[in-house]
Amino acid sequence: MVLDGTEQLDVSHAGGEFQELTSELLGEFWKSTSQEVRAKRPDYRTFQDRSAKQTAAFSVQLDVMMEAYMAWSLNQGGAGGKGFFDSDE
């Protein structure tokens, strides 16, 4: 099987097809990495630490996302300069 993007591949994570496909493609490497039990390393971060990092990372992107949305919304309005949420009334 060669996956070159010319045909659609119907794969569901729920039915186990994805795991079966990857195990077929990776062969022996899949067996050596997926079946060994690895010890978990301790995680000393608190929920507050993780939440603060996620919020900071999102805040960096917020201005750019807002500008992109505003440009998209204006282009969706068509004639009259209406935005996406503007009513036709």
Protein backbone atom coordinates (compact mmCIF):
# COMPACT_ATOMS: atom_id res chain seq x y z
CA MET A 1 0.00 0.00 0.00
CA VAL A 2 1.38 3.37 -1.03
CA LEU A 3 -0.23 6.51 0.38
CA ASP A 4 0.44 9.18 -2.21
CA GLY A 5 -2.69 11.30 -1.74
CA THR A 6 -4.42 10.33 -4.97
CA GLU A 7 -7.16 8.33 -3.24
CA GLN A 8 -9.23 9.08 -0.17
CA LEU A 9 -8.40 6.94 2.85
CA ASP A 10 -11.38 6.19 5.10
CA VAL A 11 -9.97 5.69 8.58
CA SER A 12 -11.76 5.82 11.91
CA HIS A 13 -10.00 6.11 15.26
CA ALA A 14 -13.00 4.54 17.00
CA GLY A 15 -12.95 1.28 15.09
CA GLY A 16 -9.22 0.67 15.48
CA GLU A 17 -8.51 1.09 11.75
CA PHE A 18 -6.01 3.87 12.35
CA GLN A 19 -3.97 1.80 14.80
CA GLU A 20 -4.08 -1.17 12.43
CA LEU A 21 -2.97 0.99 9.49
CA THR A 22 -0.06 2.53 11.39
CA SER A 23 1.04 -0.85 12.69
CA GLU A 24 1.06 -2.19 9.11
CA LEU A 25 3.02 0.79 7.82
CA LEU A 26 5.57 0.87 10.62
CA GLY A 27 5.98 -2.90 11.01
CA GLU A 28 8.56 -3.94 13.57
CA PHE A 29 9.14 -0.37 14.74
CA TRP A 30 5.48 -0.22 15.85
CA LYS A 31 5.87 -3.37 17.93
CA SER A 32 9.02 -2.18 19.66
CA THR A 33 7.60 1.21 20.64
CA SER A 34 3.91 0.57 21.30
CA GLN A 35 4.14 -2.54 23.43
CA GLU A 36 6.81 -1.57 25.89
CA VAL A 37 5.60 -0.02 29.11
CA ARG A 38 7.30 3.22 29.93
CA ALA A 39 7.50 4.67 33.39
CA LYS A 40 5.78 8.01 33.74
CA ARG A 41 7.95 10.85 34.84
CA PRO A 42 6.67 12.97 37.70
CA ASP A 43 4.82 16.14 36.77
CA TYR A 44 5.39 18.85 39.33
CA ARG A 45 3.33 21.49 37.54
CA THR A 46 0.09 22.59 39.10
CA PHE A 47 -3.18 23.16 37.28
CA GLN A 48 -2.63 26.87 37.78
CA ASP A 49 0.81 26.66 36.10
CA ARG A 50 -0.57 24.81 33.08
CA SER A 51 -3.57 27.11 32.82
CA ALA A 52 -1.40 30.25 32.99
CA LYS A 53 0.90 28.95 30.23
CA GLN A 54 -2.06 28.12 27.99
CA THR A 55 -3.61 31.55 28.57
CA ALA A 56 -0.31 33.31 27.82
CA ALA A 57 0.18 31.31 24.61
CA PHE A 58 -3.37 32.10 23.48
CA SER A 59 -3.00 35.80 24.28
CA VAL A 60 -0.03 36.05 21.91
CA GLN A 61 -2.24 34.83 19.05
CA LEU A 62 -5.40 36.73 19.94
CA ASP A 63 -4.66 40.02 18.13
CA VAL A 64 -3.73 38.27 14.89
CA MET A 65 -6.80 36.03 15.05
CA MET A 66 -9.05 39.04 15.69
CA GLU A 67 -7.64 40.92 12.68
CA ALA A 68 -8.03 37.85 10.45
CA TYR A 69 -11.62 37.33 11.61
CA MET A 70 -12.51 40.98 11.05
CA ALA A 71 -11.11 40.88 7.50
CA TRP A 72 -12.92 37.60 6.79
CA SER A 73 -16.18 38.91 8.25
CA LEU A 74 -16.04 42.06 6.14
CA ASN A 75 -15.41 40.03 2.98
CA GLN A 76 -18.37 37.74 3.76
CA GLY A 77 -20.80 40.65 3.88
CA GLY A 78 -20.80 41.39 0.16
CA ALA A 79 -22.59 44.59 -0.87
CA GLY A 80 -23.34 47.17 1.76
CA GLY A 81 -20.38 46.30 3.98
CA LYS A 82 -22.40 44.06 6.28
CA GLY A 83 -20.52 41.62 8.43
CA PHE A 84 -21.30 37.97 9.13
CA PHE A 85 -23.50 38.69 12.17
CA ASP A 86 -25.34 41.68 10.71
CA SER A 87 -29.01 41.01 10.08
CA ASP A 88 -30.85 41.69 6.84
CA GLU A 89 -33.60 43.66 8.61
